[in-house]
Amino acid sequence: MPLEDTPQSSLQRSSLVRPPRVMDILTVHQVLDHLDKGDPELARLLRMFFFLGMSHREIAEELGMPISTVHRKKNDALKLLRQHFS
């Protein structure tokens, strides 16, 4: 099978998969820096949710807080970030 016909090659050509752009990476770093300076616990919570893929329940257990608090803090953090970066 020629290299061009391998599943990996067709996946790489897919429009669904694109390498991260420099601006995407810089924006992620800006967000994390902003959160770390303002509220490190919120930064940790968002990292756990978005980058580690942890569920609300897993985060609640790890941080020792109710699930409802995890939901509220995540929503508050996202609202704060939208306001700051819009």
Protein backbone atom coordinates (compact mmCIF):
# COMPACT_ATOMS: atom_id res chain seq x y z
CA MET A 1 0.00 0.00 0.00
CA PRO A 2 1.49 3.36 -0.97
CA LEU A 3 2.13 5.75 1.89
CA GLU A 4 -0.44 8.20 0.54
CA ASP A 5 -3.21 5.62 0.99
CA THR A 6 -2.54 4.79 4.63
CA PRO A 7 -5.25 5.74 7.14
CA GLN A 8 -2.88 8.09 8.94
CA SER A 9 -2.15 10.02 5.77
CA SER A 10 -5.83 10.43 4.96
CA LEU A 11 -6.48 11.53 8.54
CA GLN A 12 -3.77 14.16 8.25
CA ARG A 13 -5.40 15.47 5.08
CA SER A 14 -8.82 15.61 6.76
CA SER A 15 -10.31 19.04 7.21
CA LEU A 16 -11.30 18.01 10.75
CA VAL A 17 -7.68 17.79 11.87
CA ARG A 18 -5.52 20.88 11.76
CA PRO A 19 -2.33 21.73 13.55
CA PRO A 20 -2.63 24.39 16.25
CA ARG A 21 -2.01 27.88 15.01
CA VAL A 22 0.47 30.10 16.80
CA MET A 23 -2.35 32.44 17.85
CA ASP A 24 -4.30 29.52 19.36
CA ILE A 25 -1.28 28.54 21.45
CA LEU A 26 -0.57 32.12 22.51
CA THR A 27 -4.20 32.62 23.51
CA VAL A 28 -4.15 29.50 25.68
CA HIS A 29 -0.98 30.73 27.39
CA GLN A 30 -2.48 34.19 27.92
CA VAL A 31 -5.59 32.69 29.48
CA LEU A 32 -3.60 30.45 31.80
CA ASP A 33 -1.26 33.28 32.82
CA HIS A 34 -4.23 35.54 33.52
CA LEU A 35 -5.90 32.88 35.63
CA ASP A 36 -2.73 31.99 37.53
CA LYS A 37 -2.26 35.62 38.56
CA GLY A 38 -5.88 36.19 39.57
CA ASP A 39 -7.03 32.91 41.07
CA PRO A 40 -4.73 29.87 40.91
CA GLU A 41 -7.54 27.56 42.07
CA LEU A 42 -9.67 28.57 39.09
CA ALA A 43 -6.70 28.02 36.78
CA ARG A 44 -6.21 24.55 38.22
CA LEU A 45 -9.91 23.75 37.89
CA LEU A 46 -10.00 24.80 34.22
CA ARG A 47 -6.80 22.89 33.45
CA MET A 48 -8.33 19.78 35.01
CA PHE A 49 -11.54 20.19 33.02
CA PHE A 50 -10.24 21.25 29.60
CA PHE A 51 -6.72 19.83 29.41
CA LEU A 52 -6.93 16.71 31.56
CA GLY A 53 -10.49 15.91 30.52
CA MET A 54 -11.65 15.34 34.09
CA SER A 55 -15.37 15.29 34.87
CA HIS A 56 -17.02 17.69 37.28
CA ARG A 57 -17.27 14.84 39.77
CA GLU A 58 -13.57 13.95 39.45
CA ILE A 59 -12.57 17.59 39.92
CA ALA A 60 -14.85 17.90 42.96
CA GLU A 61 -13.21 14.87 44.54
CA GLU A 62 -9.70 16.07 43.73
CA LEU A 63 -10.29 19.59 45.07
CA GLY A 64 -12.49 18.50 47.97
CA MET A 65 -15.51 20.60 47.04
CA PRO A 66 -19.13 19.91 46.06
CA ILE A 67 -19.90 19.29 42.40
CA SER A 68 -22.19 22.32 42.38
CA THR A 69 -19.24 24.48 43.44
CA VAL A 70 -17.12 23.09 40.60
CA HIS A 71 -19.90 23.96 38.11
CA ARG A 72 -20.28 27.47 39.53
CA LYS A 73 -16.54 28.19 39.66
CA LYS A 74 -16.02 26.91 36.11
CA ASN A 75 -18.88 29.06 34.80
CA ASP A 76 -17.62 32.09 36.75
CA ALA A 77 -14.10 31.60 35.37
CA LEU A 78 -15.35 31.31 31.80
CA LYS A 79 -17.47 34.44 32.21
CA LEU A 80 -14.47 36.33 33.61
CA LEU A 81 -12.26 35.20 30.72
CA ARG A 82 -14.86 36.14 28.11
CA GLN A 83 -15.10 39.61 29.62
CA HIS A 84 -11.34 40.05 29.79
CA PHE A 85 -10.53 38.75 26.30
CA SER A 86 -13.48 40.14 24.33
